[in-house]
Amino acid sequence: MSLLVSIRGWSPDEWVARFRAAAAPRPVVDARESFEPASIHYAAVWMPEPGLLARLPNLKAIFNLGAGVDALLADLTLPDVPLCRIVNPDLTARMTEYVVLQCLMHLRQVEAYRRLQAKARWEPIDQPAATEMRVGIMGMGVLGQDSAEVLKRVGFRVAGWSRMPKTIRGVETFAGEVELGAFLARTDILVVLLPLTPETRGILNGGLFARLARDGALGGPILINAGRGGLQVDADILAALENGTLKAASLDVFETEPLPASSLLWKHPKVILTPHVAADSTPEALVEAVLANVALHEREGRLKDVVDRQTGY
C-alpha cells in the first residue's frame, strides 16, 4: 500500500504526520513533494488540486476526509475508481451534538436571554416545551437518523424528508418533491443535513422558507443548516429574516467559505453563526477510519461507505 495525502485549507503537515505515524511502516506520500505517480494505490484527500488524482494510473480508491464529496465530484478529471466518504461514530456524534444544541438554544430562547442579560433586565420569557415543537430534518442518512433519535428522546416531534422513501421507527417520513410541501407545512424547526447535488443546490431559498409552518409555538420557523453551503441562498436567508418569514437561523455553512467579513450574516441579531465546524471530528478518528477501510480492501477486496456518483452521496 502506498497512500497519497493531499490536503488544502487545513494543516497539511499535521495530517501527513498523523497518517505516517498511524500507517507505519507502510509508506505515506505527501502530495506537495516529488513522488512516482505509479506507486500510489490509495489517496486520502480534502480539496485536492483538480487533475491530481487523474495522474495516478494504479489508484484503487479515493478517501474524502469529510462527509461532503461535492467538491471532488466537480473535478471532471476524477478517475473512475471507488470514492469513499467518512462515516464514523465520532463524526456522527458531533453532528448530533450540534443539531440538538441548536434546537435547544432556539427552544429555550438563549439568544433572547443574552440580549436581556446585556441590558441587565430580569424578564422571564414564556417558553414552550419540546413536545410542542415540530422538528423537520431534510436528509435522513446516517447523520439525520442519529440526530432524529436524540431529538426524539429530548421530546421533540420529529419528521424526516429524503429523496427516496424511508421507514424509520418513531419518525414520520416524507419523500420526494411530491411530499415536500406537506413536510414543510408541519415544520417549526427545519434542520438541513442534505448532501450537495445538482438537485439540492440552492434548495434553501425564499420559496421554500415561505412554505414552512407559521403556527408554531415560537411564533415563526427556524432554519438550521449544517449540511453544505451550496444548499442555501444567503441573500434569501437575510431577506426572510428581515421580513419575518424566518424567525431565526443557525448556520454552520455558507455559499462562500470562509464567509467574507462584509457579509451581513456576521452581525445579524437573529443568526447564530459557526465556521463549518458542526461535525468536526478528531483528526485521529478520520485517519483511523481511512486506514481501516484500506485494510478492509486489501484483506477482502471491498470498501465501506462508497459514494454513488449518480446521486452524489
C-alpha atoms as a PDB file:
ATOM      1  CA  MET A   1       0.000   0.000   0.000  1.00  0.00           C
ATOM      2  CA  SER A   2       1.195   3.488  -0.882  1.00  0.00           C
ATOM      3  CA  LEU A   3      -1.112   6.219   0.383  1.00  0.00           C
ATOM      4  CA  LEU A   4      -1.057   9.748  -1.006  1.00  0.00           C
ATOM      5  CA  VAL A   5      -2.222  12.542   1.309  1.00  0.00           C
ATOM      6  CA  SER A   6      -3.398  15.756  -0.352  1.00  0.00           C
ATOM      7  CA  ILE A   7      -4.850  18.463   1.891  1.00  0.00           C
ATOM      8  CA  ARG A   8      -5.866  22.037   1.096  1.00  0.00           C
ATOM      9  CA  GLY A   9      -7.406  24.500   3.530  1.00  0.00           C
ATOM     10  CA  TRP A  10      -6.332  22.582   6.632  1.00  0.00           C
ATOM     11  CA  SER A  11      -2.856  21.947   8.082  1.00  0.00           C
ATOM     12  CA  PRO A  12      -1.245  19.502   5.621  1.00  0.00           C
ATOM     13  CA  ASP A  13       1.936  18.975   7.663  1.00  0.00           C
ATOM     14  CA  GLU A  14      -0.057  17.764  10.650  1.00  0.00           C
ATOM     15  CA  TRP A  15      -2.229  15.455   8.543  1.00  0.00           C
ATOM     16  CA  VAL A  16       0.739  13.871   6.784  1.00  0.00           C
ATOM     17  CA  ALA A  17       2.407  13.309  10.147  1.00  0.00           C
ATOM     18  CA  ARG A  18      -0.719  11.670  11.552  1.00  0.00           C
ATOM     19  CA  PHE A  19      -1.067   9.321   8.603  1.00  0.00           C
ATOM     20  CA  ARG A  20       2.633   8.404   8.688  1.00  0.00           C
ATOM     21  CA  ALA A  21       2.504   7.627  12.394  1.00  0.00           C
ATOM     22  CA  ALA A  22      -0.657   5.528  12.115  1.00  0.00           C
ATOM     23  CA  ALA A  23       0.255   3.699   8.872  1.00  0.00           C
ATOM     24  CA  ALA A  24       3.896   2.899   9.682  1.00  0.00           C
ATOM     25  CA  PRO A  25       5.785   1.063   8.325  1.00  0.00           C
ATOM     26  CA  ARG A  26       3.714   1.422   5.151  1.00  0.00           C
ATOM     27  CA  PRO A  27       4.637   4.443   3.004  1.00  0.00           C
ATOM     28  CA  VAL A  28       2.611   7.647   3.131  1.00  0.00           C
ATOM     29  CA  VAL A  29       3.356  10.234   0.435  1.00  0.00           C
ATOM     30  CA  ASP A  30       2.898  13.978   0.787  1.00  0.00           C
ATOM     31  CA  ALA A  31       1.292  15.307  -2.431  1.00  0.00           C
ATOM     32  CA  ARG A  32       3.348  18.514  -2.145  1.00  0.00           C
ATOM     33  CA  GLU A  33       6.580  16.561  -2.566  1.00  0.00           C
ATOM     34  CA  SER A  34       8.013  14.816  -5.615  1.00  0.00           C
ATOM     35  CA  PHE A  35       6.702  11.261  -5.980  1.00  0.00           C
ATOM     36  CA  GLU A  36       6.247   8.498  -8.539  1.00  0.00           C
ATOM     37  CA  PRO A  37       2.567   8.542  -9.604  1.00  0.00           C
ATOM     38  CA  ALA A  38       2.555   4.824 -10.456  1.00  0.00           C
ATOM     39  CA  SER A  39       3.487   3.960  -6.865  1.00  0.00           C
ATOM     40  CA  ILE A  40       0.246   5.341  -5.402  1.00  0.00           C
ATOM     41  CA  HIS A  41      -2.594   2.910  -4.688  1.00  0.00           C
ATOM     42  CA  TYR A  42      -4.808   4.957  -2.354  1.00  0.00           C
ATOM     43  CA  ALA A  43      -5.415   8.674  -1.785  1.00  0.00           C
ATOM     44  CA  ALA A  44      -6.727  10.470   1.311  1.00  0.00           C
ATOM     45  CA  VAL A  45      -7.774  13.962   0.283  1.00  0.00           C
ATOM     46  CA  TRP A  46      -9.527  17.188   1.146  1.00  0.00           C
ATOM     47  CA  MET A  47      -9.975  19.701  -1.689  1.00  0.00           C
ATOM     48  CA  PRO A  48      -7.055  18.320  -3.788  1.00  0.00           C
ATOM     49  CA  GLU A  49      -5.819  20.221  -6.810  1.00  0.00           C
ATOM     50  CA  PRO A  50      -8.028  19.390  -9.823  1.00  0.00           C
ATOM     51  CA  GLY A  51      -6.295  16.843 -12.046  1.00  0.00           C
ATOM     52  CA  LEU A  52      -4.007  15.487  -9.321  1.00  0.00           C
ATOM     53  CA  LEU A  53      -5.815  12.169  -8.907  1.00  0.00           C
ATOM     54  CA  ALA A  54      -6.025  11.634 -12.671  1.00  0.00           C
ATOM     55  CA  ARG A  55      -2.225  11.354 -12.723  1.00  0.00           C
ATOM     56  CA  LEU A  56      -2.262   8.160 -10.622  1.00  0.00           C
ATOM     57  CA  PRO A  57      -2.512   5.147 -13.001  1.00  0.00           C
ATOM     58  CA  ASN A  58      -2.662   2.485 -10.262  1.00  0.00           C
ATOM     59  CA  LEU A  59      -5.102   4.233  -7.931  1.00  0.00           C
ATOM     60  CA  LYS A  60      -7.541   1.788  -6.293  1.00  0.00           C
ATOM     61  CA  ALA A  61      -9.648   4.090  -4.109  1.00  0.00           C
ATOM     62  CA  ILE A  62     -10.063   7.709  -3.006  1.00  0.00           C
ATOM     63  CA  PHE A  63     -10.957   8.616   0.578  1.00  0.00           C
ATOM     64  CA  ASN A  64     -12.522  12.026   1.136  1.00  0.00           C
ATOM     65  CA  LEU A  65     -11.705  13.382   4.592  1.00  0.00           C
ATOM     66  CA  GLY A  66     -15.215  14.609   5.240  1.00  0.00           C
ATOM     67  CA  ALA A  67     -18.845  13.730   4.634  1.00  0.00           C
ATOM     68  CA  GLY A  68     -19.404  16.016   1.603  1.00  0.00           C
ATOM     69  CA  VAL A  69     -17.920  14.975  -1.730  1.00  0.00           C
ATOM     70  CA  ASP A  70     -19.375  17.692  -3.982  1.00  0.00           C
ATOM     71  CA  ALA A  71     -16.012  19.450  -4.434  1.00  0.00           C
ATOM     72  CA  LEU A  72     -14.366  16.224  -5.555  1.00  0.00           C
ATOM     73  CA  LEU A  73     -17.153  15.343  -7.955  1.00  0.00           C
ATOM     74  CA  ALA A  74     -16.782  18.771  -9.545  1.00  0.00           C
ATOM     75  CA  ASP A  75     -13.341  17.677 -10.823  1.00  0.00           C
ATOM     76  CA  LEU A  76     -14.136  16.448 -14.344  1.00  0.00           C
ATOM     77  CA  THR A  77     -10.827  14.567 -14.449  1.00  0.00           C
ATOM     78  CA  LEU A  78     -11.637  12.468 -11.382  1.00  0.00           C
ATOM     79  CA  PRO A  79     -10.603   8.861 -12.163  1.00  0.00           C
ATOM     80  CA  ASP A  80     -13.206   6.118 -12.259  1.00  0.00           C
ATOM     81  CA  VAL A  81     -12.253   4.371  -9.017  1.00  0.00           C
ATOM     82  CA  PRO A  82     -14.299   3.958  -5.811  1.00  0.00           C
ATOM     83  CA  LEU A  83     -14.754   7.192  -3.900  1.00  0.00           C
ATOM     84  CA  CYS A  84     -15.388   6.782  -0.170  1.00  0.00           C
ATOM     85  CA  ARG A  85     -16.678   9.335   2.312  1.00  0.00           C
ATOM     86  CA  ILE A  86     -16.048   9.362   6.030  1.00  0.00           C
ATOM     87  CA  VAL A  87     -18.735   7.772   8.182  1.00  0.00           C
ATOM     88  CA  ASN A  88     -17.662   7.110  11.743  1.00  0.00           C
ATOM     89  CA  PRO A  89     -19.246   7.301  15.194  1.00  0.00           C
ATOM     90  CA  ASP A  90     -17.218  10.337  16.238  1.00  0.00           C
ATOM     91  CA  LEU A  91     -18.298  12.453  13.252  1.00  0.00           C
ATOM     92  CA  THR A  92     -21.917  11.325  13.636  1.00  0.00           C
ATOM     93  CA  ALA A  93     -21.978  12.093  17.357  1.00  0.00           C
ATOM     94  CA  ARG A  94     -20.557  15.570  16.822  1.00  0.00           C
ATOM     95  CA  MET A  95     -23.154  16.431  14.207  1.00  0.00           C
ATOM     96  CA  THR A  96     -25.906  15.225  16.517  1.00  0.00           C
ATOM     97  CA  GLU A  97     -24.470  17.356  19.317  1.00  0.00           C
ATOM     98  CA  TYR A  98     -24.631  20.407  17.061  1.00  0.00           C
ATOM     99  CA  VAL A  99     -28.172  19.754  15.875  1.00  0.00           C
ATOM    100  CA  VAL A 100     -29.553  19.110  19.350  1.00  0.00           C
ATOM    101  CA  LEU A 101     -27.680  22.113  20.772  1.00  0.00           C
ATOM    102  CA  GLN A 102     -29.125  24.470  18.175  1.00  0.00           C
ATOM    103  CA  CYS A 103     -32.656  23.128  18.562  1.00  0.00           C
ATOM    104  CA  LEU A 104     -32.452  23.575  22.327  1.00  0.00           C
ATOM    105  CA  MET A 105     -30.945  27.074  22.051  1.00  0.00           C
ATOM    106  CA  HIS A 106     -33.895  28.188  19.961  1.00  0.00           C
ATOM    107  CA  LEU A 107     -36.437  26.311  22.079  1.00  0.00           C
ATOM    108  CA  ARG A 108     -35.108  27.864  25.311  1.00  0.00           C
ATOM    109  CA  GLN A 109     -34.587  31.248  23.611  1.00  0.00           C
ATOM    110  CA  VAL A 110     -30.974  31.564  24.695  1.00  0.00           C
ATOM    111  CA  GLU A 111     -30.195  34.463  22.351  1.00  0.00           C
ATOM    112  CA  ALA A 112     -33.137  36.495  23.684  1.00  0.00           C
ATOM    113  CA  TYR A 113     -31.915  35.966  27.230  1.00  0.00           C
ATOM    114  CA  ARG A 114     -28.382  37.001  26.241  1.00  0.00           C
ATOM    115  CA  ARG A 115     -29.764  40.274  24.903  1.00  0.00           C
ATOM    116  CA  LEU A 116     -31.648  40.813  28.154  1.00  0.00           C
ATOM    117  CA  GLN A 117     -28.522  39.989  30.127  1.00  0.00           C
ATOM    118  CA  ALA A 118     -26.580  42.660  28.217  1.00  0.00           C
ATOM    119  CA  LYS A 119     -29.190  45.187  29.402  1.00  0.00           C
ATOM    120  CA  ALA A 120     -29.300  43.818  32.993  1.00  0.00           C
ATOM    121  CA  ARG A 121     -33.013  43.120  32.580  1.00  0.00           C
ATOM    122  CA  TRP A 122     -34.727  40.401  34.640  1.00  0.00           C
ATOM    123  CA  GLU A 123     -37.515  39.431  32.252  1.00  0.00           C
ATOM    124  CA  PRO A 124     -38.734  35.809  32.093  1.00  0.00           C
ATOM    125  CA  ILE A 125     -39.929  34.705  28.651  1.00  0.00           C
ATOM    126  CA  ASP A 126     -42.705  32.183  28.065  1.00  0.00           C
ATOM    127  CA  GLN A 127     -41.079  29.007  26.779  1.00  0.00           C
ATOM    128  CA  PRO A 128     -42.807  26.102  25.046  1.00  0.00           C
ATOM    129  CA  ALA A 129     -41.930  22.508  25.860  1.00  0.00           C
ATOM    130  CA  ALA A 130     -40.008  20.369  23.389  1.00  0.00           C
ATOM    131  CA  THR A 131     -43.169  18.301  22.926  1.00  0.00           C
ATOM    132  CA  GLU A 132     -44.805  21.371  21.368  1.00  0.00           C
ATOM    133  CA  MET A 133     -42.083  21.772  18.751  1.00  0.00           C
ATOM    134  CA  ARG A 134     -42.090  20.090  15.352  1.00  0.00           C
ATOM    135  CA  VAL A 135     -38.599  19.483  14.020  1.00  0.00           C
ATOM    136  CA  GLY A 136     -38.199  18.515  10.383  1.00  0.00           C
ATOM    137  CA  ILE A 137     -34.918  17.034   9.178  1.00  0.00           C
ATOM    138  CA  MET A 138     -34.043  17.246   5.483  1.00  0.00           C
ATOM    139  CA  GLY A 139     -31.610  14.426   4.770  1.00  0.00           C
ATOM    140  CA  MET A 140     -32.219  11.127   6.544  1.00  0.00           C
ATOM    141  CA  GLY A 141     -28.912   9.357   6.083  1.00  0.00           C
ATOM    142  CA  VAL A 142     -26.693   8.266   8.966  1.00  0.00           C
ATOM    143  CA  LEU A 143     -26.389  11.808  10.339  1.00  0.00           C
ATOM    144  CA  GLY A 144     -30.071  12.653  10.005  1.00  0.00           C
ATOM    145  CA  GLN A 145     -31.271   9.440  11.594  1.00  0.00           C
ATOM    146  CA  ASP A 146     -28.939   9.762  14.565  1.00  0.00           C
ATOM    147  CA  SER A 147     -29.999  13.365  15.137  1.00  0.00           C
ATOM    148  CA  ALA A 148     -33.651  12.341  14.901  1.00  0.00           C
ATOM    149  CA  GLU A 149     -33.198   9.633  17.522  1.00  0.00           C
ATOM    150  CA  VAL A 150     -31.677  12.000  20.087  1.00  0.00           C
ATOM    151  CA  LEU A 151     -34.159  14.784  19.368  1.00  0.00           C
ATOM    152  CA  LYS A 152     -36.981  12.316  19.966  1.00  0.00           C
ATOM    153  CA  ARG A 153     -35.539  11.385  23.349  1.00  0.00           C
ATOM    154  CA  VAL A 154     -35.431  15.068  24.301  1.00  0.00           C
ATOM    155  CA  GLY A 155     -39.124  15.258  23.444  1.00  0.00           C
ATOM    156  CA  PHE A 156     -39.262  16.997  20.064  1.00  0.00           C
ATOM    157  CA  ARG A 157     -41.813  15.854  17.489  1.00  0.00           C
ATOM    158  CA  VAL A 158     -39.541  14.748  14.661  1.00  0.00           C
ATOM    159  CA  ALA A 159     -40.201  14.142  10.972  1.00  0.00           C
ATOM    160  CA  GLY A 160     -37.775  13.472   8.152  1.00  0.00           C
ATOM    161  CA  TRP A 161     -37.644  14.190   4.426  1.00  0.00           C
ATOM    162  CA  SER A 162     -35.434  12.405   1.915  1.00  0.00           C
ATOM    163  CA  ARG A 163     -35.140  11.924  -1.818  1.00  0.00           C
ATOM    164  CA  MET A 164     -36.402   8.332  -1.663  1.00  0.00           C
ATOM    165  CA  PRO A 165     -38.987   6.853   0.761  1.00  0.00           C
ATOM    166  CA  LYS A 166     -37.637   5.554   4.069  1.00  0.00           C
ATOM    167  CA  THR A 167     -39.222   3.846   7.050  1.00  0.00           C
ATOM    168  CA  ILE A 168     -37.708   4.980  10.337  1.00  0.00           C
ATOM    169  CA  ARG A 169     -39.116   3.825  13.629  1.00  0.00           C
ATOM    170  CA  GLY A 170     -40.795   6.606  15.567  1.00  0.00           C
ATOM    171  CA  VAL A 171     -40.268   9.217  12.832  1.00  0.00           C
ATOM    172  CA  GLU A 172     -42.897  10.480  10.393  1.00  0.00           C
ATOM    173  CA  THR A 173     -41.256  10.343   6.982  1.00  0.00           C
ATOM    174  CA  PHE A 174     -41.801  12.201   3.717  1.00  0.00           C
ATOM    175  CA  ALA A 175     -40.071  11.705   0.386  1.00  0.00           C
ATOM    176  CA  GLY A 176     -39.592  13.431  -2.943  1.00  0.00           C
ATOM    177  CA  GLU A 177     -40.894  16.673  -4.337  1.00  0.00           C
ATOM    178  CA  VAL A 178     -44.493  15.481  -4.114  1.00  0.00           C
ATOM    179  CA  GLU A 179     -44.334  15.290  -0.292  1.00  0.00           C
ATOM    180  CA  LEU A 180     -42.015  18.232   0.358  1.00  0.00           C
ATOM    181  CA  GLY A 181     -44.848  20.712   0.827  1.00  0.00           C
ATOM    182  CA  ALA A 182     -46.573  18.612   3.489  1.00  0.00           C
ATOM    183  CA  PHE A 183     -43.257  18.138   5.279  1.00  0.00           C
ATOM    184  CA  LEU A 184     -42.500  21.862   5.343  1.00  0.00           C
ATOM    185  CA  ALA A 185     -46.036  22.778   6.420  1.00  0.00           C
ATOM    186  CA  ARG A 186     -45.653  20.763   9.656  1.00  0.00           C
ATOM    187  CA  THR A 187     -42.135  22.030  10.467  1.00  0.00           C
ATOM    188  CA  ASP A 188     -41.284  24.663  13.097  1.00  0.00           C
ATOM    189  CA  ILE A 189     -37.518  23.996  13.159  1.00  0.00           C
ATOM    190  CA  LEU A 190     -36.002  22.958   9.834  1.00  0.00           C
ATOM    191  CA  VAL A 191     -32.730  21.021  10.205  1.00  0.00           C
ATOM    192  CA  VAL A 192     -30.844  20.556   6.931  1.00  0.00           C
ATOM    193  CA  LEU A 193     -28.310  17.726   6.566  1.00  0.00           C
ATOM    194  CA  LEU A 194     -28.625  17.167   2.827  1.00  0.00           C
ATOM    195  CA  PRO A 195     -25.709  16.416   0.510  1.00  0.00           C
ATOM    196  CA  LEU A 196     -24.983  18.978  -2.180  1.00  0.00           C
ATOM    197  CA  THR A 197     -26.075  17.715  -5.595  1.00  0.00           C
ATOM    198  CA  PRO A 198     -27.362  19.435  -8.733  1.00  0.00           C
ATOM    199  CA  GLU A 199     -30.891  18.789  -7.435  1.00  0.00           C
ATOM    200  CA  THR A 200     -30.301  20.251  -3.968  1.00  0.00           C
ATOM    201  CA  ARG A 201     -28.152  23.265  -4.870  1.00  0.00           C
ATOM    202  CA  GLY A 202     -29.968  26.431  -3.767  1.00  0.00           C
ATOM    203  CA  ILE A 203     -32.901  24.499  -2.309  1.00  0.00           C
ATOM    204  CA  LEU A 204     -32.896  26.701   0.806  1.00  0.00           C
ATOM    205  CA  ASN A 205     -34.411  29.773  -0.766  1.00  0.00           C
ATOM    206  CA  GLY A 206     -37.225  32.222  -0.204  1.00  0.00           C
ATOM    207  CA  GLY A 207     -39.798  29.995  -1.869  1.00  0.00           C
ATOM    208  CA  LEU A 208     -39.035  27.093   0.446  1.00  0.00           C
ATOM    209  CA  PHE A 209     -38.974  29.260   3.582  1.00  0.00           C
ATOM    210  CA  ALA A 210     -42.444  30.581   2.747  1.00  0.00           C
ATOM    211  CA  ARG A 211     -43.804  27.029   2.892  1.00  0.00           C
ATOM    212  CA  LEU A 212     -42.714  26.409   6.497  1.00  0.00           C
ATOM    213  CA  ALA A 213     -45.261  26.324   9.339  1.00  0.00           C
ATOM    214  CA  ARG A 214     -46.468  29.709  10.548  1.00  0.00           C
ATOM    215  CA  ASP A 215     -48.427  28.449  13.580  1.00  0.00           C
ATOM    216  CA  GLY A 216     -45.572  27.130  15.710  1.00  0.00           C
ATOM    217  CA  ALA A 217     -45.095  27.764  19.419  1.00  0.00           C
ATOM    218  CA  LEU A 218     -42.132  30.109  18.812  1.00  0.00           C
ATOM    219  CA  GLY A 219     -44.091  32.404  16.509  1.00  0.00           C
ATOM    220  CA  GLY A 220     -42.160  31.624  13.356  1.00  0.00           C
ATOM    221  CA  PRO A 221     -39.957  28.979  11.725  1.00  0.00           C
ATOM    222  CA  ILE A 222     -36.280  28.417  12.479  1.00  0.00           C
ATOM    223  CA  LEU A 223     -33.617  27.320   9.959  1.00  0.00           C
ATOM    224  CA  ILE A 224     -30.621  25.195  10.987  1.00  0.00           C
ATOM    225  CA  ASN A 225     -28.228  24.361   8.137  1.00  0.00           C
ATOM    226  CA  ALA A 226     -25.317  22.062   8.954  1.00  0.00           C
ATOM    227  CA  GLY A 227     -25.252  20.389   5.544  1.00  0.00           C
ATOM    228  CA  ARG A 228     -23.475  22.201   2.718  1.00  0.00           C
ATOM    229  CA  GLY A 229     -23.195  25.903   1.954  1.00  0.00           C
ATOM    230  CA  GLY A 230     -24.328  25.440  -1.638  1.00  0.00           C
ATOM    231  CA  LEU A 231     -27.737  24.313  -0.399  1.00  0.00           C
ATOM    232  CA  GLN A 232     -28.639  27.812   0.712  1.00  0.00           C
ATOM    233  CA  VAL A 233     -29.057  31.220  -0.870  1.00  0.00           C
ATOM    234  CA  ASP A 234     -27.539  33.578   1.686  1.00  0.00           C
ATOM    235  CA  ALA A 235     -29.380  36.623   0.346  1.00  0.00           C
ATOM    236  CA  ASP A 236     -32.711  34.811   0.650  1.00  0.00           C
ATOM    237  CA  ILE A 237     -31.978  33.909   4.262  1.00  0.00           C
ATOM    238  CA  LEU A 238     -31.247  37.541   5.082  1.00  0.00           C
ATOM    239  CA  ALA A 239     -34.403  38.675   3.324  1.00  0.00           C
ATOM    240  CA  ALA A 240     -36.517  36.056   5.109  1.00  0.00           C
ATOM    241  CA  LEU A 241     -35.124  37.118   8.484  1.00  0.00           C
ATOM    242  CA  GLU A 242     -35.875  40.754   7.729  1.00  0.00           C
ATOM    243  CA  ASN A 243     -39.443  40.208   6.514  1.00  0.00           C
ATOM    244  CA  GLY A 244     -40.348  37.700   9.220  1.00  0.00           C
ATOM    245  CA  THR A 245     -40.596  34.621   7.002  1.00  0.00           C
ATOM    246  CA  LEU A 246     -37.883  33.148   9.235  1.00  0.00           C
ATOM    247  CA  LYS A 247     -37.748  33.915  12.949  1.00  0.00           C
ATOM    248  CA  ALA A 248     -34.078  32.923  13.325  1.00  0.00           C
ATOM    249  CA  ALA A 249     -31.319  30.794  11.828  1.00  0.00           C
ATOM    250  CA  SER A 250     -28.329  28.733  12.915  1.00  0.00           C
ATOM    251  CA  LEU A 251     -25.817  28.497  10.075  1.00  0.00           C
ATOM    252  CA  ASP A 252     -22.631  26.443  10.015  1.00  0.00           C
ATOM    253  CA  VAL A 253     -22.120  26.547   6.231  1.00  0.00           C
ATOM    254  CA  PHE A 254     -22.268  29.280   3.588  1.00  0.00           C
ATOM    255  CA  GLU A 255     -22.270  29.872  -0.159  1.00  0.00           C
ATOM    256  CA  THR A 256     -18.731  31.283   0.093  1.00  0.00           C
ATOM    257  CA  GLU A 257     -16.310  29.917   2.682  1.00  0.00           C
ATOM    258  CA  PRO A 258     -14.654  31.411   4.593  1.00  0.00           C
ATOM    259  CA  LEU A 259     -17.610  33.752   4.959  1.00  0.00           C
ATOM    260  CA  PRO A 260     -16.486  37.229   3.799  1.00  0.00           C
ATOM    261  CA  ALA A 261     -16.100  39.801   6.564  1.00  0.00           C
ATOM    262  CA  SER A 262     -18.514  42.016   4.615  1.00  0.00           C
ATOM    263  CA  SER A 263     -21.379  39.520   4.952  1.00  0.00           C
ATOM    264  CA  LEU A 264     -24.371  40.860   6.879  1.00  0.00           C
ATOM    265  CA  LEU A 265     -24.819  37.418   8.422  1.00  0.00           C
ATOM    266  CA  TRP A 266     -21.888  38.014  10.803  1.00  0.00           C
ATOM    267  CA  LYS A 267     -23.679  40.606  12.926  1.00  0.00           C
ATOM    268  CA  HIS A 268     -27.303  39.763  12.280  1.00  0.00           C
ATOM    269  CA  PRO A 269     -29.143  39.602  15.621  1.00  0.00           C
ATOM    270  CA  LYS A 270     -31.244  36.621  14.516  1.00  0.00           C
ATOM    271  CA  VAL A 271     -28.340  34.449  13.330  1.00  0.00           C
ATOM    272  CA  ILE A 272     -26.180  32.002  15.276  1.00  0.00           C
ATOM    273  CA  LEU A 273     -23.086  31.536  13.133  1.00  0.00           C
ATOM    274  CA  THR A 274     -20.299  28.937  13.311  1.00  0.00           C
ATOM    275  CA  PRO A 275     -17.406  28.422  10.827  1.00  0.00           C
ATOM    276  CA  HIS A 276     -18.217  24.985   9.321  1.00  0.00           C
ATOM    277  CA  VAL A 277     -17.413  23.074  12.495  1.00  0.00           C
ATOM    278  CA  ALA A 278     -20.691  21.271  13.231  1.00  0.00           C
ATOM    279  CA  ALA A 279     -19.257  17.807  12.621  1.00  0.00           C
ATOM    280  CA  ASP A 280     -15.580  18.500  13.222  1.00  0.00           C
ATOM    281  CA  SER A 281     -14.267  15.070  14.111  1.00  0.00           C
ATOM    282  CA  THR A 282     -10.916  14.421  15.740  1.00  0.00           C
ATOM    283  CA  PRO A 283      -8.218  14.022  13.074  1.00  0.00           C
ATOM    284  CA  GLU A 284      -7.196  10.743  14.688  1.00  0.00           C
ATOM    285  CA  ALA A 285     -10.692   9.337  14.159  1.00  0.00           C
ATOM    286  CA  LEU A 286     -10.638  10.283  10.472  1.00  0.00           C
ATOM    287  CA  VAL A 287      -7.183   8.763   9.941  1.00  0.00           C
ATOM    288  CA  GLU A 288      -8.282   5.588  11.697  1.00  0.00           C
ATOM    289  CA  ALA A 289     -11.392   5.350   9.506  1.00  0.00           C
ATOM    290  CA  VAL A 290      -9.388   5.706   6.280  1.00  0.00           C
ATOM    291  CA  LEU A 291      -6.749   3.156   7.249  1.00  0.00           C
ATOM    292  CA  ALA A 292      -9.407   0.696   8.417  1.00  0.00           C
ATOM    293  CA  ASN A 293     -11.082   0.974   5.021  1.00  0.00           C
ATOM    294  CA  VAL A 294      -7.757   0.460   3.234  1.00  0.00           C
ATOM    295  CA  ALA A 295      -7.113  -2.645   5.350  1.00  0.00           C
ATOM    296  CA  LEU A 296     -10.596  -3.961   4.540  1.00  0.00           C
ATOM    297  CA  HIS A 297      -9.961  -3.500   0.825  1.00  0.00           C
ATOM    298  CA  GLU A 298      -6.610  -5.247   0.935  1.00  0.00           C
ATOM    299  CA  ARG A 299      -7.989  -8.069   3.049  1.00  0.00           C
ATOM    300  CA  GLU A 300     -11.372  -8.658   1.431  1.00  0.00           C
ATOM    301  CA  GLY A 301     -11.381  -6.617  -1.769  1.00  0.00           C
ATOM    302  CA  ARG A 302     -14.290  -4.437  -0.656  1.00  0.00           C
ATOM    303  CA  LEU A 303     -14.787  -0.925   0.722  1.00  0.00           C
ATOM    304  CA  LYS A 304     -17.223   0.746   3.111  1.00  0.00           C
ATOM    305  CA  ASP A 305     -19.117   3.993   2.551  1.00  0.00           C
ATOM    306  CA  VAL A 306     -18.639   4.143  -1.215  1.00  0.00           C
ATOM    307  CA  VAL A 307     -20.277   7.162  -2.849  1.00  0.00           C
ATOM    308  CA  ASP A 308     -22.856   6.675  -5.589  1.00  0.00           C
ATOM    309  CA  ARG A 309     -21.622   9.173  -8.155  1.00  0.00           C
ATOM    310  CA  GLN A 310     -25.048   9.390  -9.751  1.00  0.00           C
ATOM    311  CA  THR A 311     -26.747  10.617  -6.566  1.00  0.00           C
ATOM    312  CA  GLY A 312     -23.679  12.410  -5.195  1.00  0.00           C
ATOM    313  CA  TYR A 313     -23.664  10.657  -1.818  1.00  0.00           C
END
